[in-house]
Amino acid sequence: MPNPHTADHQDQYKTPNAQQSVEITRADLPLHCPMPGASLWNSHPRVFLPIEDAKDKTYICPYCGTHYVLKD
């Protein structure tokens, strides 16, 4: 039987991969998504993102929409 009180404390649970904007540094290159530490059970395949070639140094993952910003 499901716990009838599961929804009572939603603020205690962290949604996996919920972060939609991520700042990275050159030490994080080459950039790939999902990043290390992301929950893998509901992630997409790893894809490399050429953020260093982007004029504005930002890139959006085509799978999950996470917005990456390269900070120098």
Protein backbone atom coordinates (compact mmCIF):
# COMPACT_ATOMS: atom_id res chain seq x y z
CA MET A 1 0.00 0.00 0.00
CA PRO A 2 1.38 3.44 -0.90
CA ASN A 3 2.22 5.83 1.88
CA PRO A 4 -0.71 8.30 2.09
CA HIS A 5 1.57 11.00 3.53
CA THR A 6 4.14 11.05 0.72
CA ALA A 7 2.86 14.34 -0.70
CA ASP A 8 2.82 16.07 2.70
CA HIS A 9 6.53 16.91 2.67
CA GLN A 10 7.50 17.59 -0.94
CA ASP A 11 9.92 20.32 0.20
CA GLN A 12 12.16 17.62 1.68
CA TYR A 13 12.82 15.98 -1.67
CA LYS A 14 15.28 17.14 -4.29
CA THR A 15 14.29 16.62 -7.90
CA PRO A 16 17.14 14.91 -9.78
CA ASN A 17 18.76 17.05 -12.49
CA ALA A 18 16.48 19.96 -11.63
CA GLN A 19 19.17 22.61 -12.11
CA GLN A 20 18.54 24.35 -15.43
CA SER A 21 21.42 26.85 -15.46
CA VAL A 22 25.01 25.82 -14.78
CA GLU A 23 28.14 27.97 -14.68
CA ILE A 24 31.32 26.16 -15.70
CA THR A 25 34.99 27.08 -15.94
CA ARG A 26 37.71 26.06 -18.38
CA ALA A 27 38.67 23.32 -15.91
CA ASP A 28 35.35 21.64 -16.73
CA LEU A 29 36.13 21.39 -20.46
CA PRO A 30 35.40 19.49 -22.57
CA LEU A 31 31.80 20.13 -21.56
CA HIS A 32 29.40 17.24 -21.64
CA CYS A 33 25.86 16.79 -20.47
CA PRO A 34 24.85 15.26 -18.15
CA MET A 35 27.58 16.54 -15.86
CA PRO A 36 29.30 14.38 -13.23
CA GLY A 37 27.09 14.00 -10.20
CA ALA A 38 23.85 14.10 -12.19
CA SER A 39 21.30 11.45 -11.43
CA LEU A 40 21.81 8.87 -14.17
CA TRP A 41 18.63 6.87 -13.78
CA ASN A 42 16.60 9.47 -15.67
CA SER A 43 19.30 11.16 -17.76
CA HIS A 44 19.86 11.25 -21.49
CA PRO A 45 22.93 9.85 -23.31
CA ARG A 46 26.15 11.78 -22.82
CA VAL A 47 26.63 14.48 -25.43
CA PHE A 48 29.60 16.81 -25.77
CA LEU A 49 28.77 20.51 -26.13
CA PRO A 50 31.22 22.88 -27.92
CA ILE A 51 30.69 25.83 -25.56
CA GLU A 52 34.21 27.17 -26.12
CA ASP A 53 33.31 27.82 -29.79
CA ALA A 54 30.12 29.73 -29.00
CA LYS A 55 30.37 33.51 -29.45
CA ASP A 56 28.53 34.33 -26.23
CA LYS A 57 30.13 31.40 -24.31
CA THR A 58 26.75 29.84 -23.58
CA TYR A 59 25.25 26.58 -24.79
CA ILE A 60 21.93 24.82 -24.31
CA CYS A 61 21.81 21.03 -24.17
CA PRO A 62 19.61 19.78 -27.01
CA TYR A 63 18.32 16.89 -24.89
CA CYS A 64 17.39 18.41 -21.53
CA GLY A 65 17.55 22.17 -22.12
CA THR A 66 20.12 22.85 -19.41
CA HIS A 67 21.74 26.25 -20.03
CA TYR A 68 25.52 26.26 -19.60
CA VAL A 69 27.57 29.44 -19.18
CA LEU A 70 31.37 29.47 -19.50
CA LYS A 71 32.97 31.81 -16.96
CA ASP A 72 36.60 32.73 -17.61
